[in-house]
Protein backbone atom coordinates (compact mmCIF):
# COMPACT_ATOMS: atom_id res chain seq x y z
CA MET A 1 0.00 0.00 0.00
CA LYS A 2 0.35 3.37 -0.68
CA LEU A 3 -0.64 6.27 -1.27
CA LEU A 4 -3.37 8.80 -1.04
CA PHE A 5 -6.68 10.22 -2.09
CA LEU A 6 -6.22 13.56 -3.82
CA THR A 7 -3.85 14.75 -1.22
CA LEU A 8 -4.03 11.44 0.44
CA TRP A 9 -6.11 9.31 2.66
CA LEU A 10 -3.53 7.44 4.27
CA CYS A 11 -0.05 8.72 3.83
CA LEU A 12 0.25 6.03 5.49
CA ALA A 13 13.47 -15.59 14.17
CA LEU A 14 15.13 -16.86 16.59
CA GLY A 15 15.68 -20.33 18.01
CA PHE A 16 16.59 -20.80 21.66
CA THR A 17 18.66 -23.82 22.63
CA SER A 18 17.52 -25.82 25.60
CA ALA A 19 20.49 -24.63 27.61
CA ALA A 20 19.80 -20.94 27.08
CA PRO A 21 17.61 -19.08 29.59
CA SER A 22 14.31 -17.95 28.11
CA HIS A 23 13.23 -14.35 27.82
CA HIS A 24 10.70 -14.99 30.60
CA ASP A 25 13.32 -16.58 32.88
CA ARG A 26 15.65 -13.63 32.44
CA MET A 27 12.88 -11.19 33.26
CA MET A 28 11.80 -13.16 36.34
CA ALA A 29 15.39 -13.31 37.57
CA ASP A 30 15.64 -9.52 37.53
CA PRO A 31 12.36 -7.74 38.46
CA ALA A 32 13.98 -4.34 37.87
CA GLN A 33 14.90 -5.39 34.37
CA GLU A 34 11.37 -6.62 33.80
CA GLU A 35 9.91 -3.28 34.85
CA THR A 36 12.32 -1.40 32.59
CA HIS A 37 11.62 -3.82 29.77
CA HIS A 38 7.85 -3.45 30.05
CA ALA A 39 8.16 0.32 30.20
CA ALA A 40 10.28 0.44 27.05
CA LYS A 41 8.25 1.43 24.02
CA LEU A 42 9.57 0.87 20.55
CA ASN A 43 9.08 3.65 18.04
CA ARG A 44 8.50 2.33 14.55
CA CYS A 45 9.32 5.74 13.11
CA ASP A 46 12.94 5.06 14.13
CA GLY A 47 13.12 2.47 11.35
CA VAL A 48 11.98 -0.94 12.61
CA GLU A 49 12.45 -4.31 10.90
CA PHE A 50 9.16 -6.07 11.64
CA ASP A 51 9.11 -9.74 12.62
CA ALA A 52 5.61 -10.26 11.22
CA ILE A 53 2.59 -8.37 9.88
CA ALA A 54 -0.94 -9.77 9.78
CA PRO A 55 -4.55 -8.52 9.89
CA ASP A 56 -7.19 -10.12 12.11
CA GLU A 57 -10.75 -11.11 11.21
CA LYS A 58 -11.93 -7.52 11.78
CA GLY A 59 -9.30 -6.02 9.50
CA ASN A 60 -7.08 -4.69 12.30
CA THR A 61 -3.47 -4.94 11.12
CA PHE A 62 -0.84 -5.98 13.68
CA PHE A 63 2.84 -5.18 13.23
CA PHE A 64 5.10 -7.34 15.45
CA LYS A 65 8.59 -6.60 16.72
CA GLY A 66 10.13 -8.58 19.54
CA ASP A 67 7.59 -8.78 22.35
CA HIS A 68 5.76 -5.66 21.17
CA LEU A 69 3.13 -4.97 18.54
CA TRP A 70 1.43 -2.02 16.93
CA LYS A 71 -2.26 -2.16 16.10
CA GLY A 72 -3.02 -0.28 12.91
CA PHE A 73 -1.02 2.21 10.90
CA HIS A 74 -0.54 4.71 13.71
CA GLY A 75 -0.42 4.63 17.48
CA PRO A 76 2.05 3.50 20.15
CA ALA A 77 3.55 0.05 20.67
CA GLN A 78 2.18 -2.29 23.29
CA LEU A 79 3.25 -5.66 24.64
CA SER A 80 2.11 -8.53 22.44
CA ASN A 81 0.95 -10.61 25.40
CA GLU A 82 -1.61 -7.94 26.29
CA THR A 83 -3.48 -8.91 23.12
CA PHE A 84 -2.36 -12.50 22.46
CA LYS A 85 -1.75 -13.79 25.97
CA GLU A 86 -1.07 -17.44 25.20
CA LEU A 87 2.00 -16.64 23.13
CA ASP A 88 3.80 -15.69 26.31
CA ASP A 89 2.10 -18.36 28.43
CA TYR A 90 3.34 -21.17 26.20
CA HIS A 91 6.73 -20.03 24.98
CA HIS A 92 7.84 -16.98 26.98
CA LEU A 93 9.72 -15.93 23.86
CA GLY A 94 8.07 -12.62 23.29
CA HIS A 95 8.67 -13.08 19.59
CA VAL A 96 6.80 -14.10 16.44
CA ASP A 97 8.65 -15.66 13.52
CA ALA A 98 5.84 -15.22 10.98
CA ALA A 99 2.10 -14.64 10.83
CA PHE A 100 -0.76 -14.52 8.31
CA ARG A 101 -4.56 -14.41 8.16
CA MET A 102 -5.98 -17.60 6.67
CA HIS A 103 -8.14 -17.31 3.54
CA ASN A 104 -10.04 -20.58 3.18
CA LYS A 105 -13.77 -20.02 2.74
CA GLU A 106 -14.26 -23.72 2.02
CA ASN A 107 -13.35 -24.38 5.65
CA PRO A 108 -15.10 -21.82 7.90
CA GLU A 109 -13.38 -23.28 10.97
CA ASP A 110 -10.07 -21.95 9.67
CA HIS A 111 -11.08 -18.97 7.53
CA ASP A 112 -9.99 -15.57 8.85
CA HIS A 113 -7.97 -17.08 11.71
CA ILE A 114 -4.55 -15.61 12.44
CA TYR A 115 -1.75 -18.16 12.40
CA PHE A 116 1.43 -17.39 14.35
CA PHE A 117 4.65 -19.34 13.92
CA LEU A 118 7.23 -19.70 16.69
CA ASP A 119 10.18 -22.03 16.12
CA ALA A 120 8.53 -25.37 15.21
CA LYS A 121 5.07 -24.47 16.58
CA VAL A 122 1.98 -22.89 15.07
CA PHE A 123 -0.76 -21.06 16.97
CA SER A 124 -4.27 -20.39 15.61
CA TYR A 125 -6.20 -17.39 16.95
CA TYR A 126 -9.68 -16.07 16.35
CA ASN A 127 -11.04 -13.01 18.09
CA GLN A 128 -7.68 -12.80 19.92
CA THR A 129 -8.38 -16.20 21.55
CA LEU A 130 -6.21 -19.27 21.07
CA GLU A 131 -8.13 -22.08 19.41
CA GLU A 132 -8.51 -25.37 21.24
CA GLY A 133 -5.74 -27.86 20.49
CA TYR A 134 -3.08 -25.23 19.80
CA PRO A 135 -0.16 -24.80 19.69
CA LYS A 136 0.65 -27.65 17.30
CA ASP A 137 3.73 -28.73 15.44
CA ILE A 138 3.92 -26.89 12.12
CA GLN A 139 4.06 -30.22 10.29
CA GLU A 140 0.69 -31.19 11.70
CA ASP A 141 -1.11 -28.26 10.05
CA PHE A 142 1.28 -27.42 7.22
CA PRO A 143 3.22 -30.53 6.16
CA GLY A 144 6.45 -29.72 4.36
CA VAL A 145 6.75 -26.20 5.73
CA PRO A 146 10.04 -25.70 7.61
CA ARG A 147 10.48 -24.40 11.14
CA ASP A 148 12.09 -21.05 12.03
CA LEU A 149 10.32 -19.18 9.28
CA ASP A 150 11.09 -15.61 8.25
CA ALA A 151 7.69 -14.57 6.91
CA ALA A 152 4.30 -15.78 5.65
CA VAL A 153 1.38 -14.32 3.72
CA GLU A 154 -1.98 -15.64 2.50
CA CYS A 155 -2.85 -15.70 -1.21
CA PRO A 156 -6.54 -16.26 -2.13
CA GLN A 157 -7.66 -18.10 -5.23
CA GLY A 158 -7.78 -15.69 -8.14
CA GLU A 159 -4.61 -13.96 -6.98
CA CYS A 160 -2.90 -17.35 -6.73
CA ILE A 161 -4.13 -20.36 -8.68
CA THR A 162 -5.77 -21.81 -5.55
CA ASP A 163 -6.12 -20.65 -1.96
CA SER A 164 -2.50 -20.71 -0.85
CA VAL A 165 0.04 -19.49 1.69
CA LEU A 166 3.49 -18.23 0.81
CA PHE A 167 6.12 -19.09 3.43
CA PHE A 168 9.55 -17.45 3.33
CA LYS A 169 12.79 -18.79 4.76
CA GLY A 170 16.09 -17.35 3.60
CA ASP A 171 16.02 -17.10 -0.18
CA THR A 172 13.44 -19.89 -0.56
CA VAL A 173 9.69 -19.40 -0.98
CA TYR A 174 7.43 -22.32 -0.06
CA SER A 175 4.11 -22.05 -1.91
CA TYR A 176 1.61 -24.10 0.11
CA ASP A 177 -1.59 -25.22 -1.66
CA ILE A 178 -4.32 -25.28 1.01
CA PRO A 179 -6.82 -27.68 -0.69
CA THR A 180 -4.22 -30.36 -1.52
CA LYS A 181 -1.69 -29.61 1.25
CA SER A 182 1.02 -29.81 -1.38
CA ILE A 183 4.03 -27.53 -1.49
CA LYS A 184 6.32 -26.11 -4.15
CA GLN A 185 9.67 -24.48 -3.50
CA LYS A 186 10.70 -21.39 -5.44
CA VAL A 187 13.65 -19.03 -5.45
CA TRP A 188 12.99 -15.41 -6.40
CA PRO A 189 16.48 -13.90 -6.59
CA HIS A 190 15.17 -10.43 -7.49
CA LEU A 191 13.21 -10.28 -4.21
CA PRO A 192 14.94 -9.47 -0.90
CA ASN A 193 14.93 -12.10 1.85
CA CYS A 194 11.69 -11.09 3.55
CA THR A 195 11.58 -10.71 7.32
CA SER A 196 7.82 -10.13 7.13
CA ALA A 197 5.21 -10.15 4.35
CA PHE A 198 1.80 -8.54 4.03
CA ARG A 199 -1.17 -8.74 1.66
CA TRP A 200 -3.11 -5.50 1.56
CA LEU A 201 -5.82 -4.48 -0.90
CA GLU A 202 -4.92 -7.39 -3.20
CA HIS A 203 -1.24 -6.43 -3.40
CA TYR A 204 1.74 -8.19 -1.84
CA TYR A 205 4.62 -6.66 0.06
CA CYS A 206 7.94 -8.06 1.25
CA PHE A 207 9.49 -6.18 4.16
CA ARG A 208 13.18 -6.15 5.05
CA GLY A 209 14.74 -3.62 7.37
CA ASN A 210 12.56 -0.54 7.29
CA GLU A 211 11.88 -0.95 3.55
CA PHE A 212 9.35 -2.89 1.49
CA THR A 213 9.09 -4.26 -2.04
CA ARG A 214 5.84 -5.02 -3.85
CA PHE A 215 5.84 -8.35 -5.70
CA HIS A 216 3.61 -10.65 -7.72
CA PRO A 217 2.53 -13.64 -5.57
CA VAL A 218 2.82 -16.19 -8.39
CA THR A 219 5.97 -15.10 -10.21
CA GLY A 220 7.68 -12.96 -7.59
CA ALA A 221 8.09 -10.25 -10.23
CA VAL A 222 8.82 -6.76 -8.96
CA GLU A 223 7.42 -3.84 -10.93
CA GLY A 224 8.17 -0.23 -10.13
CA ASP A 225 10.79 1.63 -8.14
CA TYR A 226 11.53 -0.51 -5.08
CA PRO A 227 12.42 -0.85 -2.28
CA LYS A 228 10.61 2.03 -0.58
CA ASP A 229 10.68 3.28 2.99
CA ALA A 230 7.80 1.77 4.97
CA ARG A 231 7.58 4.88 7.12
CA ALA A 232 6.26 6.83 4.16
CA TYR A 233 3.39 4.40 3.47
CA PHE A 234 2.52 2.06 6.35
CA MET A 235 2.69 4.39 9.30
CA ARG A 236 2.46 8.04 10.20
CA CYS A 237 5.87 9.49 10.93
CA PRO A 238 7.21 13.06 11.04
CA ASN A 239 9.08 14.00 7.86
CA PHE A 240 7.83 10.91 6.03
CA GLY A 241 4.93 10.29 3.72
CA HIS A 242 2.97 12.35 1.24
CA GLY A 243 1.09 14.51 3.72
CA HIS A 244 2.40 17.12 6.12
CA GLY A 245 4.56 15.53 8.79
CA GLY A 246 3.78 12.07 7.40
CA ARG A 247 0.10 12.44 8.24
CA SER A 248 -2.62 12.03 5.69
CA MET A 249 -4.42 15.22 4.81
CA VAL A 250 -8.08 14.21 4.71
CA PRO A 251 -10.22 16.54 2.60
CA LYS A 252 -13.53 17.89 3.76
CA CYS A 253 -16.55 16.10 2.32
CA SER A 254 -17.73 19.42 0.91
CA GLU A 255 -14.58 19.46 -1.23
CA ILE A 256 -15.13 16.05 -2.80
CA SER A 257 -16.00 15.89 -6.49
CA LEU A 258 -15.82 12.53 -8.22
CA ASN A 259 -14.78 11.82 -11.80
CA ALA A 260 -16.28 8.32 -11.92
CA ILE A 261 -17.64 5.50 -9.79
CA THR A 262 -18.26 1.85 -10.72
CA THR A 263 -18.49 -1.77 -9.56
CA ASP A 264 -16.95 -4.57 -11.62
CA SER A 265 -18.22 -8.11 -12.22
CA ALA A 266 -16.30 -9.41 -9.20
CA GLY A 267 -18.00 -6.92 -6.87
CA ARG A 268 -15.00 -4.60 -6.57
CA SER A 269 -16.20 -1.01 -6.22
CA TYR A 270 -14.10 2.01 -7.13
CA ALA A 271 -14.37 5.78 -6.95
CA PHE A 272 -12.12 7.97 -9.07
CA ARG A 273 -11.05 11.56 -8.57
CA GLY A 274 -8.26 13.25 -10.42
CA SER A 275 -5.43 10.80 -10.99
CA TYR A 276 -6.36 8.68 -7.94
CA TYR A 277 -8.83 5.92 -7.18
CA MET A 278 -10.24 4.38 -3.99
CA ARG A 279 -11.59 0.90 -3.27
CA LEU A 280 -15.00 1.19 -1.61
CA ASP A 281 -15.78 -2.47 -0.88
CA THR A 282 -12.73 -3.42 1.20
CA HIS A 283 -14.28 -2.34 4.49
CA ARG A 284 -11.91 -4.26 6.74
CA ASP A 285 -8.84 -2.69 5.17
CA GLY A 286 -10.23 0.83 5.27
CA LYS A 287 -10.65 3.32 2.46
CA HIS A 288 -7.37 4.48 0.93
CA ALA A 289 -6.47 6.25 -2.29
CA PHE A 290 -3.87 5.24 -4.84
CA PRO A 291 -2.65 6.50 -8.23
CA ILE A 292 -4.78 5.14 -11.06
CA THR A 293 -1.61 3.81 -12.68
CA ARG A 294 -1.19 1.41 -9.77
CA SER A 295 -3.95 -0.82 -11.20
CA TRP A 296 -4.42 0.60 -14.71
CA LYS A 297 -0.92 1.58 -15.79
CA ASP A 298 -1.97 2.60 -19.31
CA ILE A 299 -4.25 5.45 -18.18
CA PRO A 300 -2.37 8.71 -18.70
CA GLY A 301 -4.06 10.70 -15.91
CA ALA A 302 -7.64 11.24 -14.80
CA VAL A 303 -10.62 9.33 -16.17
CA ASP A 304 -13.89 10.93 -17.29
CA ALA A 305 -16.19 7.90 -17.13
CA VAL A 306 -16.01 4.23 -16.14
CA PHE A 307 -18.49 1.36 -16.45
CA ASN A 308 -18.43 -2.45 -16.55
CA HIS A 309 -19.96 -4.91 -19.01
CA ASN A 310 -19.41 -8.66 -19.53
CA ASP A 311 -16.29 -8.93 -17.36
CA ARG A 312 -14.80 -5.88 -19.04
CA MET A 313 -14.07 -2.51 -17.50
CA TYR A 314 -14.49 0.42 -19.88
CA MET A 315 -12.47 3.48 -18.91
CA ILE A 316 -12.83 6.71 -20.88
CA ALA A 317 -10.14 9.37 -20.67
CA GLY A 318 -10.60 12.32 -22.98
CA ASP A 319 -11.68 11.01 -26.37
CA GLN A 320 -10.07 7.58 -25.86
CA VAL A 321 -11.66 4.32 -24.65
CA TYR A 322 -9.58 1.77 -22.70
CA ILE A 323 -11.09 -1.69 -22.17
CA TYR A 324 -9.63 -3.95 -19.50
CA LYS A 325 -10.28 -7.60 -18.78
CA SER A 326 -11.58 -7.83 -15.21
CA ASP A 327 -9.48 -10.51 -13.56
CA ALA A 328 -7.45 -10.66 -10.36
CA HIS A 329 -5.43 -7.90 -12.04
CA TYR A 330 -6.74 -5.74 -14.86
CA THR A 331 -5.27 -6.39 -18.31
CA LEU A 332 -5.69 -3.99 -21.22
CA ILE A 333 -7.38 -5.66 -24.20
CA GLU A 334 -5.12 -5.78 -27.24
CA GLY A 335 -5.77 -2.98 -29.71
CA TYR A 336 -6.88 -0.42 -27.13
CA PRO A 337 -7.20 2.46 -26.52
CA LYS A 338 -9.47 3.43 -29.40
CA PRO A 339 -11.22 6.74 -30.14
CA LEU A 340 -14.57 7.25 -28.43
CA LYS A 341 -16.10 8.05 -31.81
CA GLU A 342 -14.92 4.74 -33.26
CA GLU A 343 -15.92 2.63 -30.25
CA MET A 344 -19.21 4.27 -29.19
CA GLY A 345 -20.18 6.58 -32.03
CA ILE A 346 -19.93 9.65 -29.78
CA ASP A 347 -18.34 12.92 -30.87
CA GLY A 348 -16.26 14.85 -28.37
CA THR A 349 -15.91 13.78 -24.74
CA VAL A 350 -18.29 12.64 -21.99
CA ASN A 351 -18.72 13.56 -18.33
CA ALA A 352 -20.00 10.26 -16.89
CA ALA A 353 -21.43 6.85 -17.78
CA LEU A 354 -23.64 4.26 -16.15
CA LEU A 355 -24.77 0.77 -17.05
CA CYS A 356 -27.32 -1.24 -15.09
CA ALA A 357 -26.82 -4.96 -14.42
CA ASP A 358 -27.84 -7.43 -17.13
CA GLU A 359 -28.45 -4.64 -19.63
CA ASN A 360 -26.67 -3.70 -22.84
CA ILE A 361 -27.64 -0.01 -22.94
CA VAL A 362 -24.92 2.24 -21.56
CA HIS A 363 -26.04 5.77 -20.66
CA PHE A 364 -23.44 8.47 -21.26
CA ILE A 365 -23.74 11.91 -19.69
CA GLN A 366 -22.54 14.67 -21.98
CA GLY A 367 -23.22 18.11 -20.57
CA ASN A 368 -26.98 18.33 -19.94
CA LYS A 369 -27.81 15.37 -22.18
CA MET A 370 -27.96 11.59 -21.75
CA LEU A 371 -26.80 9.59 -24.77
CA ASP A 372 -27.84 5.93 -24.99
CA VAL A 373 -25.62 3.42 -26.81
CA ASP A 374 -26.47 -0.27 -27.36
CA LEU A 375 -23.33 -2.30 -26.68
CA SER A 376 -24.78 -5.31 -28.53
CA ALA A 377 -25.13 -3.36 -31.78
CA THR A 378 -22.59 -3.28 -34.59
CA PRO A 379 -21.56 -0.61 -35.27
CA ARG A 380 -22.35 1.17 -32.03
CA THR A 381 -24.15 4.48 -32.40
CA VAL A 382 -26.17 6.85 -30.23
CA LYS A 383 -29.72 5.45 -30.34
CA SER A 384 -31.36 8.20 -28.27
CA ASP A 385 -30.52 11.65 -26.91
CA SER A 386 -32.43 12.96 -23.86
CA PRO A 387 -32.16 16.28 -21.99
CA LEU A 388 -31.47 16.02 -18.26
CA PRO A 389 -33.24 17.93 -15.46
CA ILE A 390 -29.94 18.64 -13.70
CA GLY A 391 -26.59 19.79 -14.99
CA GLY A 392 -23.00 19.46 -13.88
CA ILE A 393 -23.03 15.67 -13.43
CA THR A 394 -19.45 14.41 -13.06
CA ALA A 395 -20.00 10.76 -12.04
CA ALA A 396 -22.81 8.21 -12.19
CA VAL A 397 -23.48 4.60 -11.25
CA CYS A 398 -26.36 2.13 -11.47
CA GLY A 399 -26.65 -0.40 -8.64
CA PRO A 400 -29.21 -2.59 -6.88
CA GLU A 401 -30.88 0.48 -5.33
CA GLY A 402 -31.10 2.38 -8.60
CA VAL A 403 -29.19 5.24 -10.20
CA ARG A 404 -26.97 7.68 -8.33
CA VAL A 405 -25.48 10.74 -10.02
CA PHE A 406 -22.91 13.07 -8.46
CA VAL A 407 -22.74 16.83 -8.85
CA GLY A 408 -19.81 18.25 -6.92
CA SER A 409 -20.14 17.24 -3.27
CA GLU A 410 -23.81 16.29 -3.67
CA TYR A 411 -25.63 13.34 -5.21
CA TYR A 412 -29.11 12.53 -6.50
CA ASP A 413 -30.87 9.16 -6.39
CA TYR A 414 -33.27 7.89 -9.04
CA LYS A 415 -34.93 4.51 -9.42
CA THR A 416 -34.04 4.08 -13.09
CA PRO A 417 -32.10 5.83 -15.88
CA ARG A 418 -35.44 6.66 -17.51
CA LEU A 419 -36.60 8.52 -14.40
CA LEU A 420 -33.31 10.41 -14.38
CA ALA A 421 -34.05 11.65 -17.87
CA PHE A 422 -37.83 12.12 -17.82
CA SER A 423 -39.02 12.56 -14.23
CA ARG A 424 -40.82 15.86 -13.64
CA ILE A 425 -40.37 15.56 -9.87
CA ARG A 426 -37.38 17.50 -8.55
CA VAL A 427 -35.18 15.13 -6.55
CA GLN A 428 -33.58 16.66 -3.49
CA PRO A 429 -29.78 16.48 -3.41
CA GLN A 430 -27.95 14.75 -0.58
CA LYS A 431 -24.50 15.53 0.78
CA ILE A 432 -21.47 13.25 0.46
CA THR A 433 -20.57 12.05 3.96
CA SER A 434 -17.57 10.51 5.69
CA GLY A 435 -19.39 7.18 5.71
CA MET A 436 -19.17 7.06 1.92
CA PHE A 437 -15.59 8.21 1.46
CA ASN A 438 -12.64 9.01 3.68
CA CYS A 439 -13.44 12.67 4.23
CA GLU A 440 -14.29 15.00 7.10
CA ASP A 441 -17.93 16.02 7.51
């Protein structure tokens, strides 16, 4: 993750031998040291190499270092055993080798549980409570996965071929197939040896030192300028990040004006403004803004209209149409972009577009008019042209509740596109609120 909405929404092991005294034993032998130790608070803005990073079932992200953790992207450190008590009760190590949140909807008893790895043991937590029967030997739950791991991260089907977990140890990646319990070893020499790994908003990050590298979970490929400093993206630190003092600068809701809004065939919802977009359906991970080029690298800047049809996302920027295949990652269809006139039979540019489910008629907003184009026709041409009762529409979407059009920081709701065009009843505008987007009321 990274990045921002307009000016930014988020600017965002060790094995003990049997002869060695445990962390707990050392603390108990010296109460003064224990008090000092418990009072010590790590500051991740100093540049921390995390031992593990994992979200829980509610979407709270935990960053682990030694016997401390941070909950979320800002806030102070606290002792890990205040949240996950049994880790200390069983091992007294005050340390996590690796952790991940299980994605396995076929097995609800495991899905969304956090798995912690310590030496040769694995712990399963749900709602910050250790599950019955744990800890277990790693081999019992994950046969073939080695002990003393460096990192782990879940990889759902669609992003990986099947529901999987990637385990990291040294320069070796162990790709564990959850349904078959089979494992494949890989070496990704272009990726650093990860000390922690994190899946966030369908992207994958390898952390080492206080830096991170984004990678593809199947090939390990690294695209872009990496590594980057984690303090500028995954936490709020003075003198780091895109906002003032490393803090995100959240706009007022009255300042919000969308360029486009849509939901694709997989249920992923997006809002676009300027050269940034925001996922709206990933409630557990929060609402954060990113450059459009992060997911649609061919788009030169802002988009004017976006809609989805038959597993394709249509993005219109200026007088050009870009069509992407909607998959785990968006892929530009060969031969695109094409001129809007050639693809849709529309002269000039458009301000918004909407398409209702299971329909072929896409409704384009151009100034104070609505232009209807039948996507099933060849060639495509404007089949009807209707005046609109309101002007200044910059974004529109059709969903289960009907049509919603945005004008600046306000929106209007209509039951159908036809009512938008022909209703004689003046619909009252409603204000964009913080519950819709990451903004201040």
